[in-house]
C-alpha atoms as a PDB file:
ATOM      1  CA  MET A   1     -83.057 200.021  25.773  1.00  0.00           C
ATOM      2  CA  TRP A   2     -79.789 197.891  25.058  1.00  0.00           C
ATOM      3  CA  ILE A   3     -76.359 198.568  26.782  1.00  0.00           C
ATOM      4  CA  VAL A   4     -72.929 197.291  24.645  1.00  0.00           C
ATOM      5  CA  ASP A   5     -70.518 196.721  26.961  1.00  0.00           C
ATOM      6  CA  LEU A   6     -67.269 197.550  24.436  1.00  0.00           C
ATOM      7  CA  ASP A   7     -64.801 195.493  26.536  1.00  0.00           C
ATOM      8  CA  LYS A   8     -66.489 192.400  27.232  1.00  0.00           C
ATOM      9  CA  LYS A   9     -68.634 192.428  23.823  1.00  0.00           C
ATOM     10  CA  VAL A  10     -71.745 192.039  25.416  1.00  0.00           C
ATOM     11  CA  VAL A  11     -75.070 193.206  24.825  1.00  0.00           C
ATOM     12  CA  HIS A  12     -77.194 193.811  27.697  1.00  0.00           C
ATOM     13  CA  ASP A  13     -80.840 194.041  27.833  1.00  0.00           C
ATOM     14  CA  MET A  14     -82.191 197.080  30.302  1.00  0.00           C
ATOM     15  CA  SER A  15     -85.714 195.683  30.661  1.00  0.00           C
ATOM     16  CA  LYS A  16     -84.373 192.568  32.336  1.00  0.00           C
ATOM     17  CA  PRO A  17     -81.026 192.747  33.501  1.00  0.00           C
ATOM     18  CA  ALA A  18     -79.806 190.191  36.020  1.00  0.00           C
ATOM     19  CA  TYR A  19     -77.899 190.433  39.078  1.00  0.00           C
ATOM     20  CA  GLU A  20     -75.029 188.694  37.395  1.00  0.00           C
ATOM     21  CA  CYS A  21     -74.712 190.991  34.373  1.00  0.00           C
ATOM     22  CA  GLN A  22     -73.189 193.848  36.512  1.00  0.00           C
ATOM     23  CA  ILE A  23     -74.232 196.679  34.523  1.00  0.00           C
ATOM     24  CA  SER A  24     -73.435 199.209  36.969  1.00  0.00           C
ATOM     25  CA  LYS A  25     -69.386 198.201  36.600  1.00  0.00           C
ATOM     26  CA  ILE A  26     -69.586 198.956  32.962  1.00  0.00           C
ATOM     27  CA  ASP A  27     -67.401 202.227  32.647  1.00  0.00           C
ATOM     28  CA  LYS A  28     -69.724 204.586  31.386  1.00  0.00           C
ATOM     29  CA  GLU A  29     -66.972 205.715  28.489  1.00  0.00           C
ATOM     30  CA  ARG A  30     -66.935 201.947  27.307  1.00  0.00           C
ATOM     31  CA  ARG A  31     -71.071 201.922  26.750  1.00  0.00           C
ATOM     32  CA  LYS A  32     -72.768 201.789  23.533  1.00  0.00           C
ATOM     33  CA  LYS A  33     -76.414 202.321  23.707  1.00  0.00           C
ATOM     34  CA  ILE A  34     -78.999 200.805  21.620  1.00  0.00           C
ATOM     35  CA  TYR A  35     -82.627 202.275  21.486  1.00  0.00           C
ATOM     36  CA  THR A  36     -84.827 199.499  19.498  1.00  0.00           C
ATOM     37  CA  LYS A  37     -85.017 195.745  19.079  1.00  0.00           C
ATOM     38  CA  GLY A  38     -84.367 196.261  15.250  1.00  0.00           C
ATOM     39  CA  GLY A  39     -81.011 197.842  15.916  1.00  0.00           C
ATOM     40  CA  VAL A  40     -80.083 194.853  18.098  1.00  0.00           C
ATOM     41  CA  ASP A  41     -80.595 192.624  15.561  1.00  0.00           C
ATOM     42  CA  ARG A  42     -78.906 194.668  12.983  1.00  0.00           C
ATOM     43  CA  PHE A  43     -76.186 195.108  15.523  1.00  0.00           C
ATOM     44  CA  LEU A  44     -75.519 191.388  16.287  1.00  0.00           C
ATOM     45  CA  ASP A  45     -76.523 190.416  12.856  1.00  0.00           C
ATOM     46  CA  ASP A  46     -73.592 192.104  11.289  1.00  0.00           C
ATOM     47  CA  PRO A  47     -70.660 190.181  10.109  1.00  0.00           C
ATOM     48  CA  LEU A  48     -68.491 192.558  11.489  1.00  0.00           C
ATOM     49  CA  ASN A  49     -69.718 192.495  15.177  1.00  0.00           C
ATOM     50  CA  THR A  50     -70.024 188.789  14.784  1.00  0.00           C
ATOM     51  CA  ARG A  51     -66.162 188.435  13.690  1.00  0.00           C
ATOM     52  CA  GLU A  52     -65.055 190.698  16.528  1.00  0.00           C
ATOM     53  CA  GLY A  53     -67.028 188.670  19.032  1.00  0.00           C
ATOM     54  CA  TYR A  54     -70.388 190.463  20.104  1.00  0.00           C
ATOM     55  CA  ARG A  55     -72.988 188.317  21.574  1.00  0.00           C
ATOM     56  CA  GLY A  56     -76.029 188.875  23.942  1.00  0.00           C
ATOM     57  CA  CYS A  57     -75.431 188.360  27.758  1.00  0.00           C
ATOM     58  CA  GLN A  58     -76.236 184.784  28.729  1.00  0.00           C
ATOM     59  CA  PHE A  59     -78.374 186.020  31.511  1.00  0.00           C
ATOM     60  CA  CYS A  60     -80.656 188.744  30.233  1.00  0.00           C
ATOM     61  CA  MET A  61     -80.789 187.573  26.676  1.00  0.00           C
ATOM     62  CA  PRO A  62     -79.987 183.916  26.291  1.00  0.00           C
ATOM     63  CA  GLU A  63     -81.565 183.921  23.070  1.00  0.00           C
ATOM     64  CA  TYR A  64     -78.807 186.028  21.637  1.00  0.00           C
ATOM     65  CA  PHE A  65     -75.757 183.861  23.369  1.00  0.00           C
ATOM     66  CA  GLU A  66     -73.644 181.534  21.885  1.00  0.00           C
ATOM     67  CA  PHE A  67     -70.793 179.836  22.868  1.00  0.00           C
ATOM     68  CA  ASN A  68     -68.264 178.600  20.836  1.00  0.00           C
ATOM     69  CA  MET A  69     -68.032 174.992  21.529  1.00  0.00           C
ATOM     70  CA  GLN A  70     -64.467 174.994  19.465  1.00  0.00           C
ATOM     71  CA  SER A  71     -63.051 177.445  22.082  1.00  0.00           C
ATOM     72  CA  ILE A  72     -62.886 174.712  24.347  1.00  0.00           C
ATOM     73  CA  PHE A  73     -60.422 172.624  22.171  1.00  0.00           C
ATOM     74  CA  GLN A  74     -58.197 175.444  21.219  1.00  0.00           C
ATOM     75  CA  SER A  75     -54.693 175.847  22.661  1.00  0.00           C
ATOM     76  CA  ASN A  76     -53.783 178.840  23.969  1.00  0.00           C
ATOM     77  CA  ASP A  77     -50.331 179.243  23.481  1.00  0.00           C
END
């Protein structure tokens, strides 16, 4: 099973959680459950979710984690 943190927009793999994931601190009202690997693939490949900024967790799903290098150079005015 996979858990989507709707606040931080991160998908966590419950079969290999890392301490850094802090899954227990995710509010139960702000979680979405995905039960299949195909469902995770469809969720993360959906252009709407990509635009919203959803990505895999860098600790438990590094193959789905993408860091936007352009964000380093953008000013936060």
